[in-house]
Amino acid sequence: MAATVEELYRNYGILADAKEDLSTHKDAYQVILNGVKGGPKEKRLAAQFIPKFFSSFPELADAAINAQLDLCEDEDVSIRRQAIKELPRFASGENLPRVADILTQLLQTDDSAEFNQVTTALISIFKIDAKGTLGGLFSQILQGEDIVRERAIKFLSTKLKTMPDDTMTKEVEDFIFTETKKVLEDVTGEEFVLLMRILSGLKAMQTVSGRQQLVELVVEQAFLEQALNPADTDSVDRLLQCTRQALPLFSKNVHSTRFVTYFCQYALPNLSLLTSPVAELDIQLEVLKLLAEMSPFCGDMDKLEVNLKMLFEKLLEFMPLPPEEENGENAANEEPKLQFSYVECLLFSFHQLGKKLPDFLIDKISAENLKDFKIRLQYFARGLQVYIRQLRVALQGKAGDALKTEENKIKVVALKITNNINVLIKDLFHNPPSYKSTITLSWKPVQKTEVAASVGQKRLSGEDTGATATAKKVPANLPRRDARQIYNPPSGKYSASIGNFSYEQRGGFRGSRGRGFGGRGNRSRGRIY
């Protein structure tokens, strides 16, 4: 039977006055529980009164929690908010994981104020018992409806980093790591990125051994033991996303060897066949940039010579021979295109791996191939010099706001790319080839003051400018060269997406379910409070 407002107040008074003898007034508390069956006024009072005396009636704990839950699902949003606000008062002892489970399910609300109320409640019980709260959250992530799973993962990815250190103990972090590994057995691409963000933020993962553990998780997700199918969009997307997640983890102590090896063995040979998961993404450039970023952290490699040869052959594809002279059949044809963005990545990767086998260009390829390579390098270098001169003239004396125009941003990054290539080519022209120069890849950020310095001087060496520019969007072609120049270099091409590289995932995987990434089926099970 529903209780009236008067009955609720009367029984509230009985309990409030009872003090030590509360447990003898079980009937009074039962009346308050019956308030959830009344109208809006009775429900609002019940939402406040039920938690106030909850701890005094352990034998009615289930009934009390269920009554509060009914209020959390009421049609009146103001009643729901009041009930949710009071839920943390039920979170004690063995009830806490259940309350956490309930609050996690309530994350599916579409009311923003209600959602914020749920989030606040979860945070408050997290500070009471972090492990118990995580138990409720992960229970829903593993078994709940997709919308609940999605929002629970996002909650962890945004809120864990705000928790105080005394809450995030080693035991709690170990629990998060263990449970997250279970979730990773079946995830979408977006979920994988968020879960890696959660793990990367743990204190225990900031050590060398911690980062190595994270790399092992990514390796498992990347399926590096399987050959890459270049026509399978999901497989290509998986490789890109996993590599982006692994990149920040690599260092001189945490090596990228397995990823670099995989790229050389499977991605480079199929570069032109790769199917882009995103229409506007230059998939070939994306792969080459990832390889370039990983290459400095490559450790000892079993098939170094084979992989260097693959890099060498791919580099030749993007470094054309000079046009035939005078009456040659190609003399009147369009001059070769120089794909500077591609060549920067390939040259850098070759330069990094070449350090590990410095006699590759001397002993591992034929004299004829070496001669051919140097001809291509020389032709490319001559074209570079023209571009570099033009770009320096165009940027001479410009600084501050003048460099922020779209046109000058393009020229700044073009100067960075051409100077990087110039530095690397100079190294390879040494006899024997040298691998000592260092550059900053064109899309990596640098200080603005360095940019101004690089374009504000009349004459700078390639080594100087190779490390001073900022990455922005670049055009398909630079302005045409002066036709009166004695040397007519090849036309150049920069990638239009050179400044858009991102570690963030670009869409989830939609492959078959199973271990790792997959199109997770709808696991709706209804309310499982």
Foldseek 3Di string as FASTA:
>chain_A
DAADPVLLVVLLVVQVVCVPNNLVPPVSLVNLLSLLVDDPVSLLSSLVSLLVCQVSHVVCLVSSVVSLLSQCPDPDVVSNLSSLLSLLSSQDDPCNLVSLLSLLVSCLDPDPVSNVSSLVSLLVVCQVPVQSNVNSLLVCLVFAFPSSVVVSLVSLLPCVLVDDPVSQDPVNLVSLVVSLLVSQQWAKLQSVVSSLSNQCSRPVLVDLVNLLVSLVSLCQQLPLVDAQDQQDQLNLLSLLLSLLSNLVSFDLSRAPASNLVNCLVHCLVCLVSHDHNDPPDNSSLSSLQSNLSRLLRHDDYPPLLSSLVSLVVSLDVQQDAFADPDPDPCPPPATDEHALSNNLSSLSNSLSSCVVVVCCLPPVDDPVVSVRVLNSLVQLLVQLVQLLLVLLVVLEPDADPRCVDPVNLQSQLVNLSSLSSNVSSVQVPDVPRHSPADADRSQDDDDRVLSCVLNHDNDDHSSSSNHGGHDDFYAQFDDAGDPPDPDHGHTYGYDRCRNPDDSRRDDIRDDPTGTGYHNDDGSHDDDDD
